[in-house]
Amino acid sequence: MRNALKNLFHDEQGGEVLEYALIAGLIIVGAIAVISTVGDKVVARWTSMNSSL
């Protein structure tokens, strides 16, 4: 039992998955921020064009 716990604490295999998940999360948060900023401008332009017709 002691060896199993020792091996569990020294296992570093899941570290890479965690790093990739953090990077993917940062990319998603950045994409949401950009889309929300650009989305407001697109809606304003669409409304302006719609009212001019």
N, C-alpha and C. Protein backbone atom coordinates (compact mmCIF):
# COMPACT_ATOMS: atom_id res chain seq x y z
N MET A 1 0.82 -1.18 0.00
CA MET A 1 0.00 0.00 0.00
C MET A 1 0.87 1.26 0.00
N ARG A 2 1.91 1.22 0.80
CA ARG A 2 2.81 2.37 0.89
C ARG A 2 3.50 2.62 -0.45
N ASN A 3 3.91 1.56 -1.14
CA ASN A 3 4.56 1.71 -2.45
C ASN A 3 3.58 2.26 -3.49
N ALA A 4 2.32 1.85 -3.42
CA ALA A 4 1.33 2.35 -4.37
C ALA A 4 1.12 3.85 -4.19
N LEU A 5 1.03 4.32 -2.96
CA LEU A 5 0.88 5.75 -2.70
C LEU A 5 2.13 6.52 -3.11
N LYS A 6 3.29 5.93 -2.87
CA LYS A 6 4.55 6.57 -3.25
C LYS A 6 4.63 6.72 -4.76
N ASN A 7 4.25 5.68 -5.49
CA ASN A 7 4.26 5.75 -6.95
C ASN A 7 3.23 6.75 -7.47
N LEU A 8 2.10 6.86 -6.80
CA LEU A 8 1.07 7.80 -7.21
C LEU A 8 1.55 9.24 -7.09
N PHE A 9 2.26 9.57 -6.03
CA PHE A 9 2.75 10.93 -5.83
C PHE A 9 3.91 11.28 -6.75
N HIS A 10 4.64 10.28 -7.21
CA HIS A 10 5.78 10.54 -8.09
C HIS A 10 5.42 10.44 -9.56
N ASP A 11 4.19 10.09 -9.88
CA ASP A 11 3.75 9.98 -11.26
C ASP A 11 3.51 11.38 -11.82
N GLU A 12 4.20 11.73 -12.91
CA GLU A 12 4.08 13.05 -13.53
C GLU A 12 3.38 12.99 -14.88
N GLN A 13 2.71 11.93 -15.18
CA GLN A 13 2.11 11.74 -16.49
C GLN A 13 0.94 12.69 -16.72
N GLY A 14 0.19 13.07 -15.71
CA GLY A 14 -0.96 13.94 -15.88
C GLY A 14 -0.61 15.42 -15.97
N GLY A 15 0.64 15.77 -15.71
CA GLY A 15 1.06 17.17 -15.74
C GLY A 15 0.93 17.79 -17.12
N GLU A 16 1.26 17.05 -18.14
CA GLU A 16 1.17 17.57 -19.51
C GLU A 16 -0.27 17.85 -19.89
N VAL A 17 -1.17 16.98 -19.49
CA VAL A 17 -2.58 17.17 -19.80
C VAL A 17 -3.10 18.44 -19.13
N LEU A 18 -2.68 18.68 -17.91
CA LEU A 18 -3.09 19.88 -17.18
C LEU A 18 -2.57 21.13 -17.88
N GLU A 19 -1.34 21.10 -18.34
CA GLU A 19 -0.77 22.25 -19.04
C GLU A 19 -1.53 22.54 -20.33
N TYR A 20 -1.84 21.51 -21.09
CA TYR A 20 -2.59 21.69 -22.33
C TYR A 20 -3.99 22.22 -22.04
N ALA A 21 -4.60 21.76 -20.97
CA ALA A 21 -5.94 22.24 -20.61
C ALA A 21 -5.90 23.72 -20.21
N LEU A 22 -4.87 24.14 -19.50
CA LEU A 22 -4.73 25.54 -19.13
C LEU A 22 -4.50 26.42 -20.36
N ILE A 23 -3.67 25.96 -21.28
CA ILE A 23 -3.43 26.72 -22.51
C ILE A 23 -4.70 26.83 -23.32
N ALA A 24 -5.43 25.74 -23.46
CA ALA A 24 -6.70 25.76 -24.21
C ALA A 24 -7.69 26.70 -23.53
N GLY A 25 -7.74 26.70 -22.22
CA GLY A 25 -8.63 27.59 -21.50
C GLY A 25 -8.29 29.06 -21.73
N LEU A 26 -7.00 29.39 -21.75
CA LEU A 26 -6.60 30.77 -22.01
C LEU A 26 -6.95 31.19 -23.44
N ILE A 27 -6.78 30.28 -24.38
CA ILE A 27 -7.13 30.59 -25.77
C ILE A 27 -8.63 30.83 -25.89
N ILE A 28 -9.42 30.01 -25.22
CA ILE A 28 -10.88 30.16 -25.27
C ILE A 28 -11.32 31.48 -24.64
N VAL A 29 -10.74 31.83 -23.50
CA VAL A 29 -11.09 33.09 -22.85
C VAL A 29 -10.71 34.28 -23.74
N GLY A 30 -9.55 34.22 -24.37
CA GLY A 30 -9.14 35.28 -25.29
C GLY A 30 -10.06 35.38 -26.49
N ALA A 31 -10.47 34.24 -27.04
CA ALA A 31 -11.38 34.25 -28.18
C ALA A 31 -12.73 34.83 -27.80
N ILE A 32 -13.22 34.50 -26.63
CA ILE A 32 -14.51 35.05 -26.19
C ILE A 32 -14.41 36.56 -26.03
N ALA A 33 -13.29 37.06 -25.48
CA ALA A 33 -13.12 38.50 -25.32
C ALA A 33 -13.08 39.21 -26.66
N VAL A 34 -12.37 38.64 -27.63
CA VAL A 34 -12.28 39.26 -28.95
C VAL A 34 -13.62 39.22 -29.66
N ILE A 35 -14.30 38.10 -29.59
CA ILE A 35 -15.60 37.96 -30.27
C ILE A 35 -16.62 38.91 -29.66
N SER A 36 -16.62 39.06 -28.35
CA SER A 36 -17.60 39.96 -27.73
C SER A 36 -17.31 41.41 -28.10
N THR A 37 -16.05 41.79 -28.20
CA THR A 37 -15.68 43.15 -28.59
C THR A 37 -16.05 43.42 -30.04
N VAL A 38 -15.67 42.51 -30.92
CA VAL A 38 -15.96 42.68 -32.34
C VAL A 38 -17.45 42.51 -32.60
N GLY A 39 -18.11 41.66 -31.84
CA GLY A 39 -19.54 41.42 -32.02
C GLY A 39 -20.37 42.67 -31.81
N ASP A 40 -20.01 43.47 -30.82
CA ASP A 40 -20.75 44.72 -30.58
C ASP A 40 -20.61 45.67 -31.77
N LYS A 41 -19.42 45.74 -32.34
CA LYS A 41 -19.20 46.61 -33.49
C LYS A 41 -19.97 46.11 -34.72
N VAL A 42 -20.02 44.81 -34.90
CA VAL A 42 -20.74 44.24 -36.03
C VAL A 42 -22.24 44.51 -35.89
N VAL A 43 -22.77 44.35 -34.69
CA VAL A 43 -24.20 44.60 -34.47
C VAL A 43 -24.51 46.08 -34.71
N ALA A 44 -23.63 46.97 -34.25
CA ALA A 44 -23.85 48.39 -34.48
C ALA A 44 -23.83 48.72 -35.97
N ARG A 45 -22.91 48.13 -36.70
CA ARG A 45 -22.82 48.37 -38.15
C ARG A 45 -24.06 47.81 -38.85
N TRP A 46 -24.49 46.63 -38.45
CA TRP A 46 -25.67 46.00 -39.05
C TRP A 46 -26.93 46.85 -38.79
N THR A 47 -27.06 47.37 -37.59
CA THR A 47 -28.19 48.21 -37.25
C THR A 47 -28.15 49.50 -38.07
N SER A 48 -26.99 50.08 -38.23
CA SER A 48 -26.84 51.29 -39.02
C SER A 48 -27.22 51.05 -40.48
N MET A 49 -26.77 49.95 -41.04
CA MET A 49 -27.09 49.62 -42.42
C MET A 49 -28.57 49.32 -42.58
N ASN A 50 -29.15 48.66 -41.59
CA ASN A 50 -30.57 48.32 -41.66
C ASN A 50 -31.45 49.57 -41.60
N SER A 51 -31.06 50.52 -40.77
CA SER A 51 -31.87 51.74 -40.66
C SER A 51 -31.72 52.63 -41.87
N SER A 52 -30.58 52.54 -42.57
CA SER A 52 -30.38 53.37 -43.77
C SER A 52 -31.19 52.85 -44.96
N LEU A 53 -31.58 51.58 -44.89
CA LEU A 53 -32.38 51.02 -45.99
C LEU A 53 -33.80 51.42 -45.75
